[in-house]
Amino acid sequence: MKDNFRSLSVDELKKEVQSASEEVRKARFQFGVTRSLENPKLIHNQKKRIAQALTIQREKELAAAGKLKQIPPKAGKAAPVAKATKGKKK
Protein backbone atom coordinates (compact mmCIF):
# COMPACT_ATOMS: atom_id res chain seq x y z
CA MET A 1 0.00 0.00 0.00
CA LYS A 2 1.53 3.25 -1.12
CA ASP A 3 0.49 6.28 0.86
CA ASN A 4 -0.15 9.57 -0.81
CA PHE A 5 1.59 11.97 1.54
CA ARG A 6 1.50 14.82 -0.97
CA SER A 7 -2.24 15.29 -0.45
CA LEU A 8 -1.85 15.72 3.33
CA SER A 9 -1.40 19.05 5.09
CA VAL A 10 1.67 19.85 7.16
CA ASP A 11 -0.20 19.21 10.42
CA GLU A 12 -1.42 15.84 9.17
CA LEU A 13 2.14 14.96 8.16
CA LYS A 14 3.35 15.78 11.67
CA LYS A 15 0.67 13.51 13.15
CA GLU A 16 1.71 10.74 10.74
CA VAL A 17 5.35 11.07 11.83
CA GLN A 18 4.35 10.96 15.50
CA SER A 19 2.18 7.87 15.11
CA ALA A 20 4.82 6.02 13.08
CA SER A 21 7.49 6.95 15.64
CA GLU A 22 5.28 5.60 18.40
CA GLU A 23 4.85 2.31 16.53
CA VAL A 24 8.63 2.02 16.06
CA ARG A 25 9.16 2.67 19.77
CA LYS A 26 6.63 0.00 20.74
CA ALA A 27 8.11 -2.53 18.33
CA ARG A 28 11.64 -1.90 19.60
CA PHE A 29 10.46 -2.28 23.19
CA GLN A 30 8.69 -5.53 22.36
CA PHE A 31 11.80 -6.83 20.62
CA GLY A 32 13.98 -5.80 23.56
CA VAL A 33 11.78 -7.59 26.07
CA THR A 34 10.80 -10.75 24.23
CA ARG A 35 13.53 -10.91 21.57
CA SER A 36 10.87 -11.65 18.97
CA LEU A 37 8.57 -9.64 16.77
CA GLU A 38 5.46 -10.85 15.01
CA ASN A 39 6.48 -8.88 11.92
CA PRO A 40 10.23 -8.10 11.80
CA LYS A 41 9.77 -5.77 8.81
CA LEU A 42 7.52 -3.49 10.87
CA ILE A 43 10.36 -1.31 12.15
CA HIS A 44 11.86 -0.92 8.67
CA ASN A 45 8.49 -0.06 7.09
CA GLN A 46 7.59 2.50 9.75
CA LYS A 47 11.00 4.18 9.53
CA LYS A 48 10.50 4.42 5.78
CA ARG A 49 7.07 6.04 6.29
CA ILE A 50 8.65 8.55 8.68
CA ALA A 51 11.32 9.45 6.13
CA GLN A 52 8.76 9.86 3.34
CA ALA A 53 6.53 12.06 5.48
CA LEU A 54 9.44 14.23 6.63
CA THR A 55 10.65 14.64 3.05
CA ILE A 56 7.25 15.79 1.82
CA GLN A 57 6.91 18.07 4.84
CA ARG A 58 10.26 19.71 4.07
CA GLU A 59 9.35 20.10 0.39
CA LYS A 60 6.13 21.89 1.38
CA GLU A 61 8.04 24.20 3.74
CA LEU A 62 10.54 25.09 1.01
CA ALA A 63 7.80 25.59 -1.57
CA ALA A 64 5.97 27.95 0.80
CA ALA A 65 9.17 29.94 1.31
CA GLY A 66 9.80 30.02 -2.45
CA LYS A 67 13.15 28.28 -2.13
CA LEU A 68 12.25 24.98 -3.77
CA LYS A 69 13.82 24.61 -7.18
CA GLN A 70 11.98 22.22 -9.48
CA ILE A 71 14.40 20.03 -11.41
CA PRO A 72 12.86 18.74 -14.64
CA PRO A 73 13.45 15.09 -15.52
CA LYS A 74 16.09 14.46 -18.15
CA ALA A 75 14.56 13.86 -21.55
CA GLY A 76 16.17 12.09 -24.43
CA LYS A 77 18.48 9.14 -24.37
CA ALA A 78 18.20 6.41 -21.81
CA ALA A 79 21.22 5.33 -19.80
CA PRO A 80 23.64 3.20 -21.84
CA VAL A 81 23.51 -0.52 -21.18
CA ALA A 82 26.78 -2.42 -20.75
CA LYS A 83 27.41 -4.96 -23.53
CA ALA A 84 27.97 -8.57 -22.61
CA THR A 85 31.35 -9.90 -23.74
CA LYS A 86 31.96 -13.38 -25.02
CA GLY A 87 34.96 -15.42 -24.06
CA LYS A 88 37.55 -15.02 -21.38
CA LYS A 89 38.23 -11.85 -19.50
CA LYS A 90 41.63 -10.33 -20.13
C-alpha atoms as a PDB file:
ATOM      1  CA  MET A   1       0.000   0.000   0.000  1.00  0.00           C
ATOM      2  CA  LYS A   2       1.527   3.248  -1.119  1.00  0.00           C
ATOM      3  CA  ASP A   3       0.494   6.280   0.860  1.00  0.00           C
ATOM      4  CA  ASN A   4      -0.152   9.569  -0.810  1.00  0.00           C
ATOM      5  CA  PHE A   5       1.588  11.973   1.535  1.00  0.00           C
ATOM      6  CA  ARG A   6       1.505  14.824  -0.975  1.00  0.00           C
ATOM      7  CA  SER A   7      -2.240  15.292  -0.448  1.00  0.00           C
ATOM      8  CA  LEU A   8      -1.853  15.723   3.329  1.00  0.00           C
ATOM      9  CA  SER A   9      -1.405  19.046   5.088  1.00  0.00           C
ATOM     10  CA  VAL A  10       1.674  19.845   7.163  1.00  0.00           C
ATOM     11  CA  ASP A  11      -0.204  19.214  10.423  1.00  0.00           C
ATOM     12  CA  GLU A  12      -1.424  15.841   9.168  1.00  0.00           C
ATOM     13  CA  LEU A  13       2.137  14.956   8.159  1.00  0.00           C
ATOM     14  CA  LYS A  14       3.349  15.779  11.670  1.00  0.00           C
ATOM     15  CA  LYS A  15       0.667  13.512  13.151  1.00  0.00           C
ATOM     16  CA  GLU A  16       1.709  10.741  10.744  1.00  0.00           C
ATOM     17  CA  VAL A  17       5.349  11.071  11.832  1.00  0.00           C
ATOM     18  CA  GLN A  18       4.355  10.962  15.505  1.00  0.00           C
ATOM     19  CA  SER A  19       2.177   7.872  15.109  1.00  0.00           C
ATOM     20  CA  ALA A  20       4.823   6.020  13.077  1.00  0.00           C
ATOM     21  CA  SER A  21       7.489   6.949  15.636  1.00  0.00           C
ATOM     22  CA  GLU A  22       5.280   5.600  18.402  1.00  0.00           C
ATOM     23  CA  GLU A  23       4.851   2.308  16.530  1.00  0.00           C
ATOM     24  CA  VAL A  24       8.628   2.018  16.057  1.00  0.00           C
ATOM     25  CA  ARG A  25       9.161   2.674  19.767  1.00  0.00           C
ATOM     26  CA  LYS A  26       6.631   0.000  20.743  1.00  0.00           C
ATOM     27  CA  ALA A  27       8.106  -2.532  18.325  1.00  0.00           C
ATOM     28  CA  ARG A  28      11.639  -1.902  19.600  1.00  0.00           C
ATOM     29  CA  PHE A  29      10.461  -2.275  23.192  1.00  0.00           C
ATOM     30  CA  GLN A  30       8.691  -5.529  22.361  1.00  0.00           C
ATOM     31  CA  PHE A  31      11.798  -6.830  20.619  1.00  0.00           C
ATOM     32  CA  GLY A  32      13.977  -5.804  23.555  1.00  0.00           C
ATOM     33  CA  VAL A  33      11.782  -7.594  26.073  1.00  0.00           C
ATOM     34  CA  THR A  34      10.796 -10.752  24.231  1.00  0.00           C
ATOM     35  CA  ARG A  35      13.531 -10.908  21.567  1.00  0.00           C
ATOM     36  CA  SER A  36      10.867 -11.647  18.973  1.00  0.00           C
ATOM     37  CA  LEU A  37       8.571  -9.640  16.773  1.00  0.00           C
ATOM     38  CA  GLU A  38       5.459 -10.849  15.012  1.00  0.00           C
ATOM     39  CA  ASN A  39       6.481  -8.875  11.923  1.00  0.00           C
ATOM     40  CA  PRO A  40      10.229  -8.103  11.801  1.00  0.00           C
ATOM     41  CA  LYS A  41       9.771  -5.774   8.812  1.00  0.00           C
ATOM     42  CA  LEU A  42       7.517  -3.493  10.871  1.00  0.00           C
ATOM     43  CA  ILE A  43      10.356  -1.309  12.148  1.00  0.00           C
ATOM     44  CA  HIS A  44      11.858  -0.916   8.671  1.00  0.00           C
ATOM     45  CA  ASN A  45       8.492  -0.058   7.088  1.00  0.00           C
ATOM     46  CA  GLN A  46       7.591   2.500   9.749  1.00  0.00           C
ATOM     47  CA  LYS A  47      10.998   4.182   9.526  1.00  0.00           C
ATOM     48  CA  LYS A  48      10.499   4.415   5.778  1.00  0.00           C
ATOM     49  CA  ARG A  49       7.074   6.037   6.292  1.00  0.00           C
ATOM     50  CA  ILE A  50       8.655   8.551   8.681  1.00  0.00           C
ATOM     51  CA  ALA A  51      11.321   9.454   6.129  1.00  0.00           C
ATOM     52  CA  GLN A  52       8.763   9.861   3.336  1.00  0.00           C
ATOM     53  CA  ALA A  53       6.526  12.061   5.476  1.00  0.00           C
ATOM     54  CA  LEU A  54       9.437  14.231   6.629  1.00  0.00           C
ATOM     55  CA  THR A  55      10.652  14.639   3.050  1.00  0.00           C
ATOM     56  CA  ILE A  56       7.248  15.791   1.820  1.00  0.00           C
ATOM     57  CA  GLN A  57       6.908  18.069   4.845  1.00  0.00           C
ATOM     58  CA  ARG A  58      10.263  19.706   4.071  1.00  0.00           C
ATOM     59  CA  GLU A  59       9.346  20.102   0.388  1.00  0.00           C
ATOM     60  CA  LYS A  60       6.127  21.887   1.385  1.00  0.00           C
ATOM     61  CA  GLU A  61       8.035  24.201   3.736  1.00  0.00           C
ATOM     62  CA  LEU A  62      10.539  25.092   1.013  1.00  0.00           C
ATOM     63  CA  ALA A  63       7.796  25.587  -1.574  1.00  0.00           C
ATOM     64  CA  ALA A  64       5.968  27.946   0.799  1.00  0.00           C
ATOM     65  CA  ALA A  65       9.171  29.941   1.305  1.00  0.00           C
ATOM     66  CA  GLY A  66       9.798  30.023  -2.454  1.00  0.00           C
ATOM     67  CA  LYS A  67      13.151  28.280  -2.128  1.00  0.00           C
ATOM     68  CA  LEU A  68      12.252  24.981  -3.773  1.00  0.00           C
ATOM     69  CA  LYS A  69      13.818  24.612  -7.180  1.00  0.00           C
ATOM     70  CA  GLN A  70      11.980  22.219  -9.484  1.00  0.00           C
ATOM     71  CA  ILE A  71      14.398  20.030 -11.410  1.00  0.00           C
ATOM     72  CA  PRO A  72      12.863  18.744 -14.636  1.00  0.00           C
ATOM     73  CA  PRO A  73      13.454  15.089 -15.519  1.00  0.00           C
ATOM     74  CA  LYS A  74      16.091  14.456 -18.155  1.00  0.00           C
ATOM     75  CA  ALA A  75      14.560  13.857 -21.548  1.00  0.00           C
ATOM     76  CA  GLY A  76      16.167  12.088 -24.427  1.00  0.00           C
ATOM     77  CA  LYS A  77      18.484   9.141 -24.372  1.00  0.00           C
ATOM     78  CA  ALA A  78      18.201   6.408 -21.808  1.00  0.00           C
ATOM     79  CA  ALA A  79      21.224   5.326 -19.795  1.00  0.00           C
ATOM     80  CA  PRO A  80      23.637   3.196 -21.843  1.00  0.00           C
ATOM     81  CA  VAL A  81      23.515  -0.522 -21.176  1.00  0.00           C
ATOM     82  CA  ALA A  82      26.782  -2.424 -20.752  1.00  0.00           C
ATOM     83  CA  LYS A  83      27.408  -4.957 -23.529  1.00  0.00           C
ATOM     84  CA  ALA A  84      27.972  -8.566 -22.607  1.00  0.00           C
ATOM     85  CA  THR A  85      31.352  -9.895 -23.745  1.00  0.00           C
ATOM     86  CA  LYS A  86      31.958 -13.377 -25.022  1.00  0.00           C
ATOM     87  CA  GLY A  87      34.956 -15.419 -24.064  1.00  0.00           C
ATOM     88  CA  LYS A  88      37.551 -15.018 -21.376  1.00  0.00           C
ATOM     89  CA  LYS A  89      38.233 -11.846 -19.498  1.00  0.00           C
ATOM     90  CA  LYS A  90      41.629 -10.326 -20.127  1.00  0.00           C
END
